[in-house]
Amino acid sequence: MDKERIIAFVGMPGSGKSEASSYLKDRGIPFLRFGDLTDEEVVNLGIDLTPDNERMVREKLRKELGMAAYAIKAEPKIKKLLVENSTIGIDGLYSWEEYIYLKERFPNLTLVHIYAEPQLRYERLSQRPIRPVPYGKSRERDVMEIENLNKGGPIAIADYMIENDGEIREMTEKIDVLLNRIDDGR
C-alpha cells in the first residue's frame, strides 16, 4: 500500500470502537483518539479530569469551533502521524461536520461502522471500568449523541460495517478481513 489511509471507527457507545482501535495499535497501526483532545484541554486549563469538566470542555470547543471542532483540532496530529505511517486509525469521529471536514482534507478517509445490538452495548457500558454508564441511562445517551452531536450521518454513510456481537477475537478477525479488502480496493 503506497498511499495514505485513515480508518475511522464510528458507532454508538459500547459498540466496540475503542477495542477496534486498540487492535489497530496492537498491529502497529497508530491511532488518534479524539477524546484525548478533551483530556489535553482539561489538563491545559489546570482543572481536574472529571466527567463534568470533560463535558464543559467539549461544549466549549464546539461553541468556539463548531461541530467540526475535533476534526479541526486533530488535523495537525493526523498530518504528523501520516508523515511516518501510511495507515492510521481514528477513534471518536462523531459528527457529520467532522466527517465532511476530514474527508475534504483526507480523501482516503474510510469509515468503518462498528455495530452491536443496543442491549449488548448497554450491558457493556454498565460494566466498563472507566466512565461506566448505568444500564438505564444508556438509551438516553444514545438519543443525546444522535440529536446533539449529529452522530447518525457518519454511521449511515460508513464505507464498511463490522458486527461486534461476540468475543473480541471475532471482531479482530473481521478487522483483519476488512483491512485486506481495503488493501485490495474492494
Protein backbone atom coordinates (compact mmCIF):
# COMPACT_ATOMS: atom_id res chain seq x y z
CA MET A 1 0.00 0.00 0.00
CA ASP A 2 1.69 3.19 -1.11
CA LYS A 3 -0.91 5.85 -0.35
CA GLU A 4 -2.02 7.18 2.97
CA ARG A 5 -5.11 5.71 4.55
CA ILE A 6 -7.18 6.79 7.53
CA ILE A 7 -9.57 4.32 9.08
CA ALA A 8 -12.12 5.92 11.38
CA PHE A 9 -14.29 3.74 13.58
CA VAL A 10 -17.79 5.08 14.10
CA GLY A 11 -20.69 3.66 16.06
CA MET A 12 -22.83 4.06 19.11
CA PRO A 13 -21.45 3.94 22.67
CA GLY A 14 -20.41 0.46 23.73
CA SER A 15 -20.23 -0.92 20.19
CA GLY A 16 -16.50 -1.65 20.39
CA LYS A 17 -14.83 1.31 18.69
CA SER A 18 -12.11 1.60 21.33
CA GLU A 19 -11.45 -2.14 21.22
CA ALA A 20 -11.14 -1.92 17.43
CA SER A 21 -8.71 0.99 17.74
CA SER A 22 -6.67 -0.89 20.34
CA TYR A 23 -6.43 -3.78 17.93
CA LEU A 24 -5.03 -1.48 15.23
CA LYS A 25 -2.45 -0.30 17.74
CA ASP A 26 -1.55 -3.93 18.51
CA ARG A 27 -0.99 -4.42 14.77
CA GLY A 28 1.37 -1.44 14.72
CA ILE A 29 -1.12 0.99 13.23
CA PRO A 30 -1.18 4.20 15.29
CA PHE A 31 -4.47 5.79 16.11
CA LEU A 32 -5.71 9.10 17.35
CA ARG A 33 -8.44 9.15 19.97
CA PHE A 34 -10.47 12.35 19.71
CA GLY A 35 -11.28 12.06 23.43
CA ASP A 36 -7.59 12.62 24.17
CA LEU A 37 -8.03 16.13 22.78
CA THR A 38 -10.59 16.79 25.52
CA ASP A 39 -8.28 15.39 28.17
CA GLU A 40 -5.40 17.57 26.94
CA GLU A 41 -7.56 20.69 27.10
CA VAL A 42 -8.75 19.85 30.63
CA VAL A 43 -5.12 19.47 31.74
CA ASN A 44 -4.14 22.72 29.96
CA LEU A 45 -6.89 24.52 31.88
CA GLY A 46 -5.44 23.17 35.13
CA ILE A 47 -8.69 21.57 36.24
CA ASP A 48 -9.46 18.05 37.40
CA LEU A 49 -10.20 15.38 34.82
CA THR A 50 -13.83 14.67 35.72
CA PRO A 51 -16.89 13.87 33.57
CA ASP A 52 -18.32 17.34 34.29
CA ASN A 53 -15.09 19.10 33.29
CA GLU A 54 -14.78 16.93 30.18
CA ARG A 55 -18.33 17.84 29.14
CA MET A 56 -17.62 21.54 29.79
CA VAL A 57 -14.52 21.40 27.58
CA ARG A 58 -16.32 19.50 24.78
CA GLU A 59 -19.12 22.08 24.79
CA LYS A 60 -16.61 24.95 24.88
CA LEU A 61 -14.65 23.60 21.91
CA ARG A 62 -17.79 23.07 19.85
CA LYS A 63 -19.10 26.52 20.77
CA GLU A 64 -15.81 28.10 19.64
CA LEU A 65 -15.11 25.99 16.53
CA GLY A 66 -18.47 24.49 15.59
CA MET A 67 -19.43 20.85 15.21
CA ALA A 68 -16.22 20.09 13.29
CA ALA A 69 -14.16 21.17 16.34
CA TYR A 70 -12.50 17.84 16.99
CA ALA A 71 -11.55 17.33 13.36
CA ILE A 72 -10.09 20.85 13.26
CA LYS A 73 -8.10 20.23 16.46
CA ALA A 74 -6.99 16.79 15.27
CA GLU A 75 -5.85 17.78 11.78
CA PRO A 76 -2.23 18.68 12.74
CA LYS A 77 -1.89 15.43 14.70
CA ILE A 78 -3.29 13.42 11.80
CA LYS A 79 -0.83 15.05 9.37
CA LYS A 80 2.05 14.34 11.74
CA LEU A 81 1.07 10.67 12.08
CA LEU A 82 0.74 10.32 8.29
CA VAL A 83 4.29 11.59 7.76
CA GLU A 84 5.60 8.44 9.45
CA ASN A 85 2.77 5.97 8.73
CA SER A 86 0.81 5.10 5.60
CA THR A 87 -2.17 3.94 7.68
CA ILE A 88 -3.61 5.44 10.85
CA GLY A 89 -6.82 4.98 12.80
CA ILE A 90 -9.24 7.39 14.42
CA ASP A 91 -11.42 6.61 17.41
CA GLY A 92 -14.09 9.15 18.22
CA LEU A 93 -15.20 10.75 14.98
CA TYR A 94 -18.77 11.66 15.88
CA SER A 95 -20.39 14.42 13.90
CA TRP A 96 -21.28 14.77 10.24
CA GLU A 97 -19.33 18.02 10.24
CA GLU A 98 -16.19 16.25 11.48
CA TYR A 99 -16.58 13.71 8.69
CA ILE A 100 -17.02 16.36 5.99
CA TYR A 101 -14.06 18.38 7.30
CA LEU A 102 -11.72 15.37 7.31
CA LYS A 103 -12.98 13.86 4.03
CA GLU A 104 -12.23 17.13 2.21
CA ARG A 105 -8.67 17.15 3.54
CA PHE A 106 -8.01 13.41 3.53
CA PRO A 107 -9.84 11.78 0.59
CA ASN A 108 -8.62 8.32 1.67
CA LEU A 109 -10.65 8.51 4.88
CA THR A 110 -12.54 5.25 5.33
CA LEU A 111 -15.41 4.97 7.80
CA VAL A 112 -15.98 1.63 9.49
CA HIS A 113 -19.22 1.28 11.44
CA ILE A 114 -18.78 -0.97 14.46
CA TYR A 115 -22.26 -2.28 15.26
CA ALA A 116 -23.63 -4.09 18.29
CA GLU A 117 -27.24 -4.51 19.34
CA PRO A 118 -28.44 -1.94 21.90
CA GLN A 119 -28.99 -4.38 24.76
CA LEU A 120 -25.47 -5.75 24.40
CA ARG A 121 -23.99 -2.23 24.19
CA TYR A 122 -25.89 -1.13 27.29
CA GLU A 123 -24.60 -4.14 29.20
CA ARG A 124 -21.03 -3.38 28.12
CA LEU A 125 -21.38 0.27 29.10
CA SER A 126 -22.68 -0.60 32.55
CA GLN A 127 -19.71 -2.91 33.18
CA ARG A 128 -16.81 -0.92 31.82
CA PRO A 129 -14.22 0.21 34.38
CA ILE A 130 -13.75 3.76 33.06
CA ARG A 131 -16.78 6.06 32.78
CA PRO A 132 -19.43 3.37 33.25
CA VAL A 133 -22.97 4.29 32.21
CA PRO A 134 -25.83 2.89 34.28
CA TYR A 135 -27.84 0.45 32.20
CA GLY A 136 -30.99 2.60 32.42
CA LYS A 137 -29.18 5.74 31.18
CA SER A 138 -27.65 4.22 28.04
CA ARG A 139 -30.65 4.81 25.78
CA GLU A 140 -30.75 8.46 26.88
CA ARG A 141 -27.09 8.75 25.94
CA ASP A 142 -27.77 7.25 22.50
CA VAL A 143 -30.52 9.79 21.84
CA MET A 144 -28.39 12.67 23.12
CA GLU A 145 -25.48 11.73 20.84
CA ILE A 146 -27.74 11.42 17.80
CA GLU A 147 -29.62 14.66 18.48
CA ASN A 148 -26.80 16.85 19.81
CA LEU A 149 -23.70 15.51 18.06
CA ASN A 150 -25.05 14.76 14.58
CA LYS A 151 -23.69 11.24 15.03
CA GLY A 152 -26.08 9.46 12.69
CA GLY A 153 -24.57 10.75 9.44
CA PRO A 154 -21.13 9.13 9.67
CA ILE A 155 -22.72 5.86 10.81
CA ALA A 156 -25.22 5.89 7.95
CA ILE A 157 -22.63 6.68 5.28
CA ALA A 158 -19.92 4.32 6.57
CA ASP A 159 -17.95 2.52 3.89
CA TYR A 160 -17.97 -0.77 5.79
CA MET A 161 -19.69 -2.35 8.77
CA ILE A 162 -18.42 -4.85 11.30
CA GLU A 163 -20.92 -6.56 13.58
CA ASN A 164 -19.46 -6.90 17.06
CA ASP A 165 -21.84 -9.18 18.91
CA GLY A 166 -19.40 -11.82 20.15
CA GLU A 167 -15.92 -12.12 21.57
CA ILE A 168 -13.21 -9.54 20.86
CA ARG A 169 -11.27 -12.18 18.91
CA GLU A 170 -14.18 -12.49 16.47
CA MET A 171 -14.20 -8.74 15.89
CA THR A 172 -10.43 -8.60 15.36
CA GLU A 173 -10.67 -11.39 12.78
CA LYS A 174 -13.31 -9.33 10.95
CA ILE A 175 -11.00 -6.29 11.09
CA ASP A 176 -8.19 -8.33 9.51
CA VAL A 177 -10.51 -9.41 6.68
CA LEU A 178 -11.66 -5.82 6.23
CA LEU A 179 -8.11 -4.45 6.09
CA ASN A 180 -7.31 -6.95 3.34
CA ARG A 181 -10.45 -5.91 1.45
CA ILE A 182 -9.47 -2.24 1.74
CA ASP A 183 -5.92 -3.02 0.57
CA ASP A 184 -7.37 -4.89 -2.43
CA GLY A 185 -9.71 -1.98 -3.21
CA ARG A 186 -12.89 -3.95 -2.55
